PDB file of N, CA and C in Angstrom:
ATOM      1  N   UNK A   1       7.346  22.279  27.814  1.00  0.00           N
ATOM      2  CA  UNK A   1       7.533  22.358  26.370  1.00  0.00           C
ATOM      3  C   UNK A   1       6.401  21.644  25.636  1.00  0.00           C
ATOM      4  N   UNK A   2       5.979  20.501  26.129  1.00  0.00           N
ATOM      5  CA  UNK A   2       4.911  19.779  25.452  1.00  0.00           C
ATOM      6  C   UNK A   2       3.572  20.479  25.609  1.00  0.00           C
ATOM      7  N   UNK A   3       3.367  21.174  26.741  1.00  0.00           N
ATOM      8  CA  UNK A   3       2.149  21.945  26.924  1.00  0.00           C
ATOM      9  C   UNK A   3       2.080  23.062  25.893  1.00  0.00           C
ATOM     10  N   UNK A   4       3.222  23.668  25.591  1.00  0.00           N
ATOM     11  CA  UNK A   4       3.263  24.720  24.584  1.00  0.00           C
ATOM     12  C   UNK A   4       2.864  24.170  23.219  1.00  0.00           C
ATOM     13  N   UNK A   5       3.337  22.977  22.879  1.00  0.00           N
ATOM     14  CA  UNK A   5       2.972  22.375  21.600  1.00  0.00           C
ATOM     15  C   UNK A   5       1.489  22.054  21.549  1.00  0.00           C
ATOM     16  N   UNK A   6       0.937  21.673  22.685  1.00  0.00           N
ATOM     17  CA  UNK A   6      -0.486  21.350  22.733  1.00  0.00           C
ATOM     18  C   UNK A   6      -1.331  22.599  22.517  1.00  0.00           C
ATOM     19  N   UNK A   7      -0.888  23.717  23.049  1.00  0.00           N
ATOM     20  CA  UNK A   7      -1.643  24.950  22.938  1.00  0.00           C
ATOM     21  C   UNK A   7      -1.315  25.747  21.686  1.00  0.00           C
ATOM     22  N   UNK A   8      -0.393  25.265  20.901  1.00  0.00           N
ATOM     23  CA  UNK A   8       0.054  25.975  19.714  1.00  0.00           C
ATOM     24  C   UNK A   8      -1.070  26.097  18.682  1.00  0.00           C
ATOM     25  N   UNK A   9      -1.211  27.255  18.018  1.00  0.00           N
ATOM     26  CA  UNK A   9      -2.238  27.400  16.980  1.00  0.00           C
ATOM     27  C   UNK A   9      -1.910  26.570  15.731  1.00  0.00           C
ATOM     28  N   UNK A  10      -0.664  26.147  15.596  1.00  0.00           N
ATOM     29  CA  UNK A  10      -0.276  25.345  14.434  1.00  0.00           C
ATOM     30  C   UNK A  10      -0.635  23.880  14.599  1.00  0.00           C
ATOM     31  N   UNK A  11      -1.077  23.488  15.759  1.00  0.00           N
ATOM     32  CA  UNK A  11      -1.373  22.089  16.024  1.00  0.00           C
ATOM     33  C   UNK A  11      -2.469  21.570  15.101  1.00  0.00           C
ATOM     34  N   UNK A  12      -3.498  22.387  14.814  1.00  0.00           N
ATOM     35  CA  UNK A  12      -4.584  21.947  13.943  1.00  0.00           C
ATOM     36  C   UNK A  12      -4.111  21.798  12.506  1.00  0.00           C
ATOM     37  N   UNK A  13      -3.254  22.691  12.035  1.00  0.00           N
ATOM     38  CA  UNK A  13      -2.750  22.558  10.671  1.00  0.00           C
ATOM     39  C   UNK A  13      -1.833  21.345  10.550  1.00  0.00           C
ATOM     40  N   UNK A  14      -1.079  21.053  11.604  1.00  0.00           N
ATOM     41  CA  UNK A  14      -0.243  19.852  11.595  1.00  0.00           C
ATOM     42  C   UNK A  14      -1.115  18.607  11.569  1.00  0.00           C
ATOM     43  N   UNK A  15      -2.236  18.638  12.281  1.00  0.00           N
ATOM     44  CA  UNK A  15      -3.166  17.503  12.283  1.00  0.00           C
ATOM     45  C   UNK A  15      -3.765  17.296  10.892  1.00  0.00           C
ATOM     46  N   UNK A  16      -4.138  18.395  10.223  1.00  0.00           N
ATOM     47  CA  UNK A  16      -4.675  18.298   8.866  1.00  0.00           C
ATOM     48  C   UNK A  16      -3.628  17.733   7.918  1.00  0.00           C
ATOM     49  N   UNK A  17      -2.375  18.160   8.092  1.00  0.00           N
ATOM     50  CA  UNK A  17      -1.301  17.663   7.242  1.00  0.00           C
ATOM     51  C   UNK A  17      -1.100  16.160   7.465  1.00  0.00           C
ATOM     52  N   UNK A  18      -1.194  15.738   8.716  1.00  0.00           N
ATOM     53  CA  UNK A  18      -1.023  14.329   9.041  1.00  0.00           C
ATOM     54  C   UNK A  18      -2.132  13.495   8.394  1.00  0.00           C
ATOM     55  N   UNK A  19      -3.377  13.978   8.462  1.00  0.00           N
ATOM     56  CA  UNK A  19      -4.499  13.277   7.851  1.00  0.00           C
ATOM     57  C   UNK A  19      -4.326  13.239   6.338  1.00  0.00           C
ATOM     58  N   UNK A  20      -3.889  14.333   5.737  1.00  0.00           N
ATOM     59  CA  UNK A  20      -3.662  14.368   4.298  1.00  0.00           C
ATOM     60  C   UNK A  20      -2.571  13.416   3.868  1.00  0.00           C
ATOM     61  N   UNK A  21      -1.501  13.337   4.647  1.00  0.00           N
ATOM     62  CA  UNK A  21      -0.410  12.423   4.329  1.00  0.00           C
ATOM     63  C   UNK A  21      -0.857  10.969   4.453  1.00  0.00           C
ATOM     64  N   UNK A  22      -1.667  10.677   5.457  1.00  0.00           N
ATOM     65  CA  UNK A  22      -2.186   9.322   5.601  1.00  0.00           C
ATOM     66  C   UNK A  22      -3.097   8.967   4.433  1.00  0.00           C
ATOM     67  N   UNK A  23      -3.864   9.940   3.957  1.00  0.00           N
ATOM     68  CA  UNK A  23      -4.747   9.707   2.825  1.00  0.00           C
ATOM     69  C   UNK A  23      -3.946   9.409   1.553  1.00  0.00           C
ATOM     70  N   UNK A  24      -2.887  10.171   1.333  1.00  0.00           N
ATOM     71  CA  UNK A  24      -2.034   9.938   0.163  1.00  0.00           C
ATOM     72  C   UNK A  24      -1.363   8.566   0.260  1.00  0.00           C
ATOM     73  N   UNK A  25      -0.888   8.234   1.436  1.00  0.00           N
ATOM     74  CA  UNK A  25      -0.248   6.934   1.636  1.00  0.00           C
ATOM     75  C   UNK A  25      -1.238   5.804   1.404  1.00  0.00           C
ATOM     76  N   UNK A  26      -2.459   5.988   1.873  1.00  0.00           N
ATOM     77  CA  UNK A  26      -3.493   4.969   1.691  1.00  0.00           C
ATOM     78  C   UNK A  26      -3.802   4.768   0.213  1.00  0.00           C
ATOM     79  N   UNK A  27      -4.004   5.858  -0.510  1.00  0.00           N
ATOM     80  CA  UNK A  27      -4.321   5.735  -1.933  1.00  0.00           C
ATOM     81  C   UNK A  27      -3.144   5.181  -2.733  1.00  0.00           C
ATOM     82  N   UNK A  28      -1.928   5.563  -2.366  1.00  0.00           N
ATOM     83  CA  UNK A  28      -0.756   4.993  -3.036  1.00  0.00           C
ATOM     84  C   UNK A  28      -0.703   3.485  -2.805  1.00  0.00           C
ATOM     85  N   UNK A  29      -1.008   3.054  -1.609  1.00  0.00           N
ATOM     86  CA  UNK A  29      -1.024   1.621  -1.306  1.00  0.00           C
ATOM     87  C   UNK A  29      -2.075   0.881  -2.105  1.00  0.00           C
ATOM     88  N   UNK A  30      -3.266   1.472  -2.239  1.00  0.00           N
ATOM     89  CA  UNK A  30      -4.337   0.834  -3.008  1.00  0.00           C
ATOM     90  C   UNK A  30      -3.941   0.711  -4.473  1.00  0.00           C
ATOM     91  N   UNK A  31      -3.380   1.780  -5.023  1.00  0.00           N
ATOM     92  CA  UNK A  31      -2.946   1.742  -6.428  1.00  0.00           C
ATOM     93  C   UNK A  31      -1.838   0.704  -6.612  1.00  0.00           C
ATOM     94  N   UNK A  32      -0.925   0.612  -5.645  1.00  0.00           N
ATOM     95  CA  UNK A  32       0.157  -0.361  -5.725  1.00  0.00           C
ATOM     96  C   UNK A  32      -0.386  -1.788  -5.713  1.00  0.00           C
ATOM     97  N   UNK A  33      -1.348  -2.060  -4.855  1.00  0.00           N
ATOM     98  CA  UNK A  33      -1.950  -3.396  -4.802  1.00  0.00           C
ATOM     99  C   UNK A  33      -2.602  -3.736  -6.139  1.00  0.00           C
ATOM    100  N   UNK A  34      -3.330  -2.783  -6.713  1.00  0.00           N
ATOM    101  CA  UNK A  34      -3.979  -3.035  -8.005  1.00  0.00           C
ATOM    102  C   UNK A  34      -2.961  -3.280  -9.116  1.00  0.00           C
ATOM    103  N   UNK A  35      -1.885  -2.497  -9.130  1.00  0.00           N
ATOM    104  CA  UNK A  35      -0.868  -2.669 -10.175  1.00  0.00           C
ATOM    105  C   UNK A  35      -0.123  -3.996 -10.036  1.00  0.00           C
ATOM    106  N   UNK A  36       0.217  -4.368  -8.813  1.00  0.00           N
ATOM    107  CA  UNK A  36       0.944  -5.621  -8.603  1.00  0.00           C
ATOM    108  C   UNK A  36       0.053  -6.807  -8.952  1.00  0.00           C
ATOM    109  N   UNK A  37      -1.227  -6.734  -8.569  1.00  0.00           N
ATOM    110  CA  UNK A  37      -2.159  -7.814  -8.910  1.00  0.00           C
ATOM    111  C   UNK A  37      -2.355  -7.902 -10.422  1.00  0.00           C
ATOM    112  N   UNK A  38      -2.496  -6.766 -11.076  1.00  0.00           N
ATOM    113  CA  UNK A  38      -2.646  -6.768 -12.536  1.00  0.00           C
ATOM    114  C   UNK A  38      -1.395  -7.330 -13.208  1.00  0.00           C
ATOM    115  N   UNK A  39      -0.226  -6.968 -12.710  1.00  0.00           N
ATOM    116  CA  UNK A  39       1.012  -7.515 -13.267  1.00  0.00           C
ATOM    117  C   UNK A  39       1.115  -9.017 -13.079  1.00  0.00           C
ATOM    118  N   UNK A  40       0.723  -9.500 -11.898  1.00  0.00           N
ATOM    119  CA  UNK A  40       0.765 -10.940 -11.647  1.00  0.00           C
ATOM    120  C   UNK A  40      -0.192 -11.679 -12.569  1.00  0.00           C
ATOM    121  N   UNK A  41      -1.388 -11.125 -12.749  1.00  0.00           N
ATOM    122  CA  UNK A  41      -2.355 -11.774 -13.643  1.00  0.00           C
ATOM    123  C   UNK A  41      -1.893 -11.721 -15.100  1.00  0.00           C
ATOM    124  N   UNK A  42      -1.279 -10.610 -15.502  1.00  0.00           N
ATOM    125  CA  UNK A  42      -0.778 -10.487 -16.871  1.00  0.00           C
ATOM    126  C   UNK A  42       0.336 -11.501 -17.127  1.00  0.00           C
ATOM    127  N   UNK A  43       1.217 -11.647 -16.183  1.00  0.00           N
ATOM    128  CA  UNK A  43       2.317 -12.603 -16.358  1.00  0.00           C
ATOM    129  C   UNK A  43       1.789 -14.040 -16.326  1.00  0.00           C
ATOM    130  N   UNK A  44       0.787 -14.293 -15.494  1.00  0.00           N
ATOM    131  CA  UNK A  44       0.257 -15.649 -15.361  1.00  0.00           C
ATOM    132  C   UNK A  44      -0.532 -16.088 -16.592  1.00  0.00           C
ATOM    133  N   UNK A  45      -1.308 -15.183 -17.190  1.00  0.00           N
ATOM    134  CA  UNK A  45      -2.246 -15.599 -18.224  1.00  0.00           C
ATOM    135  C   UNK A  45      -1.921 -15.102 -19.626  1.00  0.00           C
ATOM    136  N   UNK A  46      -0.808 -14.406 -19.822  1.00  0.00           N
ATOM    137  CA  UNK A  46      -0.414 -13.976 -21.167  1.00  0.00           C
ATOM    138  C   UNK A  46       1.031 -14.399 -21.424  1.00  0.00           C
ATOM    139  N   UNK A  47       1.542 -14.023 -22.578  1.00  0.00           N
ATOM    140  CA  UNK A  47       2.918 -14.358 -22.943  1.00  0.00           C
ATOM    141  C   UNK A  47       3.900 -13.233 -22.614  1.00  0.00           C
ATOM    142  N   UNK A  48       3.538 -12.354 -21.698  1.00  0.00           N
ATOM    143  CA  UNK A  48       4.417 -11.258 -21.304  1.00  0.00           C
ATOM    144  C   UNK A  48       5.661 -11.846 -20.655  1.00  0.00           C
ATOM    145  N   UNK A  49       6.821 -11.440 -21.128  1.00  0.00           N
ATOM    146  CA  UNK A  49       8.122 -11.874 -20.605  1.00  0.00           C
ATOM    147  C   UNK A  49       8.313 -13.394 -20.653  1.00  0.00           C
ATOM    148  N   UNK A  50       7.670 -14.044 -21.606  1.00  0.00           N
ATOM    149  CA  UNK A  50       7.788 -15.504 -21.679  1.00  0.00           C
ATOM    150  C   UNK A  50       9.181 -15.945 -22.128  1.00  0.00           C
ATOM    151  N   UNK A  51       9.947 -15.053 -22.765  1.00  0.00           N
ATOM    152  CA  UNK A  51      11.295 -15.410 -23.177  1.00  0.00           C
ATOM    153  C   UNK A  51      12.278 -15.411 -22.001  1.00  0.00           C
ATOM    154  N   UNK A  52      11.992 -14.650 -20.955  1.00  0.00           N
ATOM    155  CA  UNK A  52      12.884 -14.581 -19.792  1.00  0.00           C
ATOM    156  C   UNK A  52      12.363 -15.360 -18.593  1.00  0.00           C
ATOM    157  N   UNK A  53      11.054 -15.352 -18.417  1.00  0.00           N
ATOM    158  CA  UNK A  53      10.448 -16.074 -17.296  1.00  0.00           C
ATOM    159  C   UNK A  53       9.676 -17.267 -17.845  1.00  0.00           C
ATOM    160  N   UNK A  54      10.100 -18.448 -17.477  1.00  0.00           N
ATOM    161  CA  UNK A  54       9.411 -19.651 -17.934  1.00  0.00           C
ATOM    162  C   UNK A  54       9.507 -20.725 -16.853  1.00  0.00           C
ATOM    163  N   UNK A  55       8.548 -21.595 -16.877  1.00  0.00           N
ATOM    164  CA  UNK A  55       8.551 -22.716 -15.937  1.00  0.00           C
ATOM    165  C   UNK A  55       8.364 -22.285 -14.493  1.00  0.00           C
ATOM    166  N   UNK A  56       9.201 -22.861 -13.643  1.00  0.00           N
ATOM    167  CA  UNK A  56       9.091 -22.629 -12.205  1.00  0.00           C
ATOM    168  C   UNK A  56       9.418 -21.176 -11.835  1.00  0.00           C
ATOM    169  N   UNK A  57      10.329 -20.548 -12.590  1.00  0.00           N
ATOM    170  CA  UNK A  57      10.649 -19.141 -12.303  1.00  0.00           C
ATOM    171  C   UNK A  57       9.423 -18.260 -12.520  1.00  0.00           C
ATOM    172  N   UNK A  58       8.664 -18.541 -13.556  1.00  0.00           N
ATOM    173  CA  UNK A  58       7.461 -17.750 -13.858  1.00  0.00           C
ATOM    174  C   UNK A  58       6.413 -17.925 -12.763  1.00  0.00           C
ATOM    175  N   UNK A  59       6.176 -19.155 -12.388  1.00  0.00           N
ATOM    176  CA  UNK A  59       5.192 -19.432 -11.334  1.00  0.00           C
ATOM    177  C   UNK A  59       5.640 -18.825 -10.012  1.00  0.00           C
ATOM    178  N   UNK A  60       6.918 -18.950  -9.697  1.00  0.00           N
ATOM    179  CA  UNK A  60       7.443 -18.374  -8.466  1.00  0.00           C
ATOM    180  C   UNK A  60       7.302 -16.868  -8.436  1.00  0.00           C
ATOM    181  N   UNK A  61       7.544 -16.211  -9.570  1.00  0.00           N
ATOM    182  CA  UNK A  61       7.422 -14.760  -9.635  1.00  0.00           C
ATOM    183  C   UNK A  61       5.969 -14.321  -9.466  1.00  0.00           C
ATOM    184  N   UNK A  62       5.044 -15.047 -10.070  1.00  0.00           N
ATOM    185  CA  UNK A  62       3.621 -14.736  -9.925  1.00  0.00           C
ATOM    186  C   UNK A  62       3.193 -14.905  -8.469  1.00  0.00           C
ATOM    187  N   UNK A  63       3.637 -15.977  -7.841  1.00  0.00           N
ATOM    188  CA  UNK A  63       3.314 -16.206  -6.428  1.00  0.00           C
ATOM    189  C   UNK A  63       3.919 -15.097  -5.566  1.00  0.00           C
ATOM    190  N   UNK A  64       5.137 -14.688  -5.868  1.00  0.00           N
ATOM    191  CA  UNK A  64       5.777 -13.606  -5.130  1.00  0.00           C
ATOM    192  C   UNK A  64       4.991 -12.296  -5.270  1.00  0.00           C
ATOM    193  N   UNK A  65       4.567 -11.967  -6.475  1.00  0.00           N
ATOM    194  CA  UNK A  65       3.781 -10.752  -6.687  1.00  0.00           C
ATOM    195  C   UNK A  65       2.442 -10.807  -5.947  1.00  0.00           C
ATOM    196  N   UNK A  66       1.775 -11.949  -5.996  1.00  0.00           N
ATOM    197  CA  UNK A  66       0.499 -12.076  -5.301  1.00  0.00           C
ATOM    198  C   UNK A  66       0.682 -12.027  -3.784  1.00  0.00           C
ATOM    199  N   UNK A  67       1.759 -12.611  -3.285  1.00  0.00           N
ATOM    200  CA  UNK A  67       2.038 -12.540  -1.846  1.00  0.00           C
ATOM    201  C   UNK A  67       2.295 -11.096  -1.428  1.00  0.00           C
ATOM    202  N   UNK A  68       2.998 -10.345  -2.263  1.00  0.00           N
ATOM    203  CA  UNK A  68       3.241  -8.939  -1.961  1.00  0.00           C
ATOM    204  C   UNK A  68       1.939  -8.146  -1.964  1.00  0.00           C
ATOM    205  N   UNK A  69       1.048  -8.455  -2.900  1.00  0.00           N
ATOM    206  CA  UNK A  69      -0.245  -7.767  -2.952  1.00  0.00           C
ATOM    207  C   UNK A  69      -1.069  -8.072  -1.699  1.00  0.00           C
ATOM    208  N   UNK A  70      -1.026  -9.308  -1.240  1.00  0.00           N
ATOM    209  CA  UNK A  70      -1.746  -9.671  -0.013  1.00  0.00           C
ATOM    210  C   UNK A  70      -1.138  -8.952   1.186  1.00  0.00           C
ATOM    211  N   UNK A  71       0.184  -8.888   1.253  1.00  0.00           N
ATOM    212  CA  UNK A  71       0.864  -8.193   2.346  1.00  0.00           C
ATOM    213  C   UNK A  71       0.489  -6.720   2.367  1.00  0.00           C
ATOM    214  N   UNK A  72       0.537  -6.059   1.210  1.00  0.00           N
ATOM    215  CA  UNK A  72       0.182  -4.637   1.155  1.00  0.00           C
ATOM    216  C   UNK A  72      -1.280  -4.424   1.516  1.00  0.00           C
ATOM    217  N   UNK A  73      -2.157  -5.326   1.087  1.00  0.00           N
ATOM    218  CA  UNK A  73      -3.573  -5.223   1.433  1.00  0.00           C
ATOM    219  C   UNK A  73      -3.769  -5.306   2.939  1.00  0.00           C
ATOM    220  N   UNK A  74      -3.053  -6.225   3.577  1.00  0.00           N
ATOM    221  CA  UNK A  74      -3.146  -6.366   5.025  1.00  0.00           C
ATOM    222  C   UNK A  74      -2.648  -5.107   5.724  1.00  0.00           C
ATOM    223  N   UNK A  75      -1.557  -4.530   5.230  1.00  0.00           N
ATOM    224  CA  UNK A  75      -1.034  -3.299   5.832  1.00  0.00           C
ATOM    225  C   UNK A  75      -2.020  -2.135   5.657  1.00  0.00           C
ATOM    226  N   UNK A  76      -2.667  -2.053   4.505  1.00  0.00           N
ATOM    227  CA  UNK A  76      -3.668  -1.011   4.279  1.00  0.00           C
ATOM    228  C   UNK A  76      -4.834  -1.201   5.244  1.00  0.00           C
ATOM    229  N   UNK A  77      -5.261  -2.440   5.423  1.00  0.00           N
ATOM    230  CA  UNK A  77      -6.334  -2.737   6.363  1.00  0.00           C
ATOM    231  C   UNK A  77      -5.950  -2.314   7.771  1.00  0.00           C
ATOM    232  N   UNK A  78      -4.723  -2.582   8.168  1.00  0.00           N
ATOM    233  CA  UNK A  78      -4.272  -2.197   9.505  1.00  0.00           C
ATOM    234  C   UNK A  78      -4.275  -0.684   9.671  1.00  0.00           C
ATOM    235  N   UNK A  79      -3.821   0.047   8.680  1.00  0.00           N
ATOM    236  CA  UNK A  79      -3.792   1.510   8.754  1.00  0.00           C
ATOM    237  C   UNK A  79      -5.215   2.053   8.830  1.00  0.00           C
ATOM    238  N   UNK A  80      -6.122   1.510   8.031  1.00  0.00           N
ATOM    239  CA  UNK A  80      -7.504   1.968   8.063  1.00  0.00           C
ATOM    240  C   UNK A  80      -8.138   1.675   9.420  1.00  0.00           C
ATOM    241  N   UNK A  81      -7.867   0.513   9.967  1.00  0.00           N
ATOM    242  CA  UNK A  81      -8.406   0.147  11.272  1.00  0.00           C
ATOM    243  C   UNK A  81      -7.846   1.057  12.361  1.00  0.00           C
ATOM    244  N   UNK A  82      -6.557   1.360  12.286  1.00  0.00           N
ATOM    245  CA  UNK A  82      -5.918   2.226  13.265  1.00  0.00           C
ATOM    246  C   UNK A  82      -6.483   3.635  13.218  1.00  0.00           C
ATOM    247  N   UNK A  83      -6.650   4.175  12.018  1.00  0.00           N
ATOM    248  CA  UNK A  83      -7.172   5.537  11.898  1.00  0.00           C
ATOM    249  C   UNK A  83      -8.653   5.602  12.299  1.00  0.00           C
ATOM    250  N   UNK A  84      -9.392   4.541  12.064  1.00  0.00           N
ATOM    251  CA  UNK A  84     -10.794   4.507  12.477  1.00  0.00           C
ATOM    252  C   UNK A  84     -10.895   4.470  13.999  1.00  0.00           C
ATOM    253  N   UNK A  85     -10.026   3.703  14.651  1.00  0.00           N
ATOM    254  CA  UNK A  85     -10.022   3.634  16.114  1.00  0.00           C
ATOM    255  C   UNK A  85      -9.527   4.925  16.735  1.00  0.00           C
ATOM    256  N   UNK A  86      -8.677   5.638  16.018  1.00  0.00           N
ATOM    257  CA  UNK A  86      -8.120   6.887  16.524  1.00  0.00           C
ATOM    258  C   UNK A  86      -9.170   7.989  16.575  1.00  0.00           C
ATOM    259  N   UNK A  87     -10.133   7.935  15.674  1.00  0.00           N
ATOM    260  CA  UNK A  87     -11.182   8.958  15.625  1.00  0.00           C
ATOM    261  C   UNK A  87     -12.161   8.707  16.681  1.00  0.00           C
TER     262      UNK A  87
END
């Protein structure tokens, strides 16, 4: 059964779809990192949501957003490294 899948003419189109999906996921991740970083900087350096977030809650939320941006950046790096090694 697996030999049939290997010889299938649809295998190349499935490969193209996989590469396209990885590309969309990569770009979505990059946009997400930029938006989260921009939100963290906006909250840190402006009066956005100053009536609800103040003091330690505000600082904690900014740190949480920046930590999430670092985490997503690391995951994007791992995906790029994996796809580069795969080629």
